[in-house]
Amino acid sequence: MKSRGRLSAVLHALLHMAHRGAPMTSDELAACLRSHPVVVRRTMAGLREAGFVVSERGHGGGWVLARDLASVTLLDVQMALGDAAQADGEAPHADGCVIEQSVQRALAGSLREAEALLMKRLGEVTLADLSADFNRAMAAHAGHATHPHSPEAGHAA
């Protein structure tokens, strides 16, 4: 899974958890993400190690947020996933093509600058910011549509 896709999916799951306000099982989260519960459990276990979620066992149990949304940035989540991208520039090539090496050197600085800007921006946006944006979007669409994962739409929240 590409790191940006994985980050997006995990942010999606965390916001579902926040808006549910009750534990969500791996099966429920997998339905929201169109993924497999085993993948969800593996990912949530990593987030648990980073202190972002906890799991509650037994009937009515599941995954819940362990931290306030305002205290978690998108960069925090990305780092917890181990998805810090690296623009290393020169990639080794079996054929030793000097043209490819020149291209890689030319791109390396720009890629590092772009990655630094992305990391800076991810560090400025919190889960609370995403939640507020979701709430605004839902309010703007009130009466026009339901959220695809809402109970009203016939899916698990």
Protein backbone atom coordinates (compact mmCIF):
# COMPACT_ATOMS: atom_id res chain seq x y z
CA MET A 1 0.00 0.00 0.00
CA LYS A 2 1.35 3.41 -0.89
CA SER A 3 2.19 5.55 2.13
CA ARG A 4 -0.22 8.38 1.22
CA GLY A 5 -3.02 5.86 0.64
CA ARG A 6 -2.30 4.22 3.96
CA LEU A 7 -2.19 7.56 5.76
CA SER A 8 -5.50 8.54 4.20
CA ALA A 9 -7.12 5.25 5.21
CA VAL A 10 -5.89 5.50 8.80
CA LEU A 11 -7.06 9.12 9.12
CA HIS A 12 -10.42 7.98 7.74
CA ALA A 13 -10.62 5.25 10.40
CA LEU A 14 -9.59 7.57 13.24
CA LEU A 15 -12.26 10.09 12.30
CA HIS A 16 -14.91 7.37 12.14
CA MET A 17 -13.85 6.34 15.63
CA ALA A 18 -14.06 9.93 16.86
CA HIS A 19 -17.49 10.52 15.38
CA ARG A 20 -18.87 7.20 16.58
CA GLY A 21 -18.02 8.07 20.16
CA ALA A 22 -18.08 4.38 21.04
CA PRO A 23 -15.73 1.45 20.42
CA MET A 24 -15.51 0.23 16.83
CA THR A 25 -14.59 -3.32 15.98
CA SER A 26 -12.01 -4.20 13.35
CA ASP A 27 -14.87 -5.56 11.23
CA GLU A 28 -16.71 -2.22 11.39
CA LEU A 29 -13.58 -0.26 10.55
CA ALA A 30 -12.75 -2.66 7.71
CA ALA A 31 -16.24 -2.10 6.25
CA CYS A 32 -15.71 1.68 6.35
CA LEU A 33 -12.32 1.35 4.68
CA ARG A 34 -13.25 -1.42 2.25
CA SER A 35 -10.38 -3.37 3.70
CA HIS A 36 -9.87 -6.61 5.62
CA PRO A 37 -10.23 -6.79 9.43
CA VAL A 38 -6.77 -8.39 9.73
CA VAL A 39 -5.20 -5.38 7.99
CA VAL A 40 -7.15 -3.07 10.30
CA ARG A 41 -6.03 -4.97 13.42
CA ARG A 42 -2.40 -4.89 12.31
CA THR A 43 -2.55 -1.16 11.63
CA MET A 44 -4.43 -0.38 14.85
CA ALA A 45 -1.87 -2.38 16.82
CA GLY A 46 0.83 -0.04 15.53
CA LEU A 47 -1.26 2.99 16.47
CA ARG A 48 -1.83 1.48 19.92
CA GLU A 49 1.95 1.22 20.39
CA ALA A 50 2.20 4.92 19.51
CA GLY A 51 -0.50 5.74 22.10
CA PHE A 52 -3.19 6.94 19.67
CA VAL A 53 -5.73 4.17 20.25
CA VAL A 54 -6.59 1.51 22.81
CA SER A 55 -8.58 -1.66 22.43
CA GLU A 56 -11.39 -2.69 24.72
CA ARG A 57 -12.13 -6.40 24.98
CA GLY A 58 -15.40 -8.21 25.43
CA HIS A 59 -18.98 -7.52 24.39
CA GLY A 60 -19.27 -3.93 23.21
CA GLY A 61 -15.50 -3.67 22.90
CA GLY A 62 -13.37 -2.48 20.03
CA TRP A 63 -10.95 0.28 19.16
CA VAL A 64 -11.24 3.73 20.74
CA LEU A 65 -9.15 6.88 20.55
CA ALA A 66 -6.71 7.35 23.41
CA ARG A 67 -5.90 11.00 22.74
CA ASP A 68 -7.78 14.20 22.12
CA LEU A 69 -8.15 15.01 18.41
CA ALA A 70 -6.50 18.41 18.87
CA SER A 71 -3.34 16.78 20.22
CA VAL A 72 -2.67 14.60 17.16
CA THR A 73 -1.29 15.98 13.89
CA LEU A 74 -1.34 14.24 10.55
CA LEU A 75 2.45 14.08 10.79
CA ASP A 76 2.15 12.26 14.14
CA VAL A 77 -0.02 9.62 12.49
CA GLN A 78 2.27 9.30 9.49
CA MET A 79 5.29 8.87 11.74
CA ALA A 80 3.44 6.24 13.82
CA LEU A 81 2.75 4.33 10.63
CA GLY A 82 6.45 4.40 9.80
CA ASP A 83 5.64 6.04 6.49
CA ALA A 84 8.08 8.92 6.54
CA ALA A 85 8.87 9.29 2.88
CA GLN A 86 12.43 9.73 1.79
CA ALA A 87 13.52 11.45 -1.35
CA ASP A 88 16.97 9.96 -1.53
CA GLY A 89 17.75 11.01 -5.08
CA GLU A 90 20.25 8.57 -6.52
CA ALA A 91 18.76 5.13 -6.79
CA PRO A 92 21.18 2.36 -7.69
CA HIS A 93 20.63 0.91 -11.15
CA ALA A 94 21.95 -2.39 -12.40
CA ASP A 95 23.06 -0.94 -15.72
CA GLY A 96 24.89 2.06 -14.17
CA CYS A 97 23.28 4.50 -16.64
CA VAL A 98 24.98 7.88 -16.22
CA ILE A 99 21.97 9.68 -17.74
CA GLU A 100 19.65 8.16 -15.12
CA GLN A 101 22.08 9.16 -12.38
CA SER A 102 22.11 12.75 -13.71
CA VAL A 103 18.30 12.81 -13.75
CA GLN A 104 18.16 11.50 -10.18
CA ARG A 105 20.65 14.11 -8.96
CA ALA A 106 18.65 16.88 -10.66
CA LEU A 107 15.40 15.74 -9.05
CA ALA A 108 16.76 14.93 -5.59
CA GLY A 109 16.91 18.50 -4.25
CA SER A 110 13.43 19.37 -5.50
CA LEU A 111 11.98 16.17 -4.09
CA ARG A 112 13.59 16.83 -0.69
CA GLU A 113 12.20 20.38 -0.67
CA ALA A 114 8.72 19.18 -1.62
CA GLU A 115 8.82 16.48 1.04
CA ALA A 116 9.93 19.01 3.67
CA LEU A 117 7.00 21.27 2.77
CA LEU A 118 4.60 18.33 2.96
CA MET A 119 5.92 17.26 6.37
CA LYS A 120 5.61 20.85 7.62
CA ARG A 121 2.00 21.06 6.48
CA LEU A 122 1.11 17.64 7.92
CA GLY A 123 2.52 18.88 11.24
CA GLU A 124 0.16 21.88 11.15
CA VAL A 125 -3.10 19.95 10.65
CA THR A 126 -4.71 18.09 13.55
CA LEU A 127 -7.38 15.43 13.64
CA ALA A 128 -9.60 18.11 15.21
CA ASP A 129 -9.15 20.21 12.05
CA LEU A 130 -10.25 17.27 9.89
CA SER A 131 -13.19 16.60 12.20
CA ALA A 132 -14.31 20.23 12.01
CA ASP A 133 -14.10 20.12 8.21
CA PHE A 134 -16.22 16.95 8.17
CA ASN A 135 -18.78 18.58 10.47
CA ARG A 136 -18.97 21.65 8.20
CA ALA A 137 -19.42 19.47 5.12
CA MET A 138 -22.18 17.42 6.77
CA ALA A 139 -23.96 20.58 7.93
CA ALA A 140 -23.79 22.01 4.41
CA HIS A 141 -25.37 18.84 3.06
CA ALA A 142 -27.94 18.42 5.84
CA GLY A 143 -31.11 16.97 4.41
CA HIS A 144 -29.49 16.31 1.03
CA ALA A 145 -27.45 13.19 1.63
CA THR A 146 -26.28 10.82 4.32
CA HIS A 147 -22.74 9.82 4.99
CA PRO A 148 -22.09 6.52 3.16
CA HIS A 149 -21.03 4.75 6.38
CA SER A 150 -23.85 6.10 8.55
CA PRO A 151 -26.51 3.74 9.93
CA GLU A 152 -29.09 5.67 7.87
CA ALA A 153 -27.27 4.63 4.71
CA GLY A 154 -27.41 0.99 5.71
CA HIS A 155 -23.71 0.56 6.53
CA ALA A 156 -21.75 0.21 9.71
CA ALA A 157 -20.65 3.56 11.12
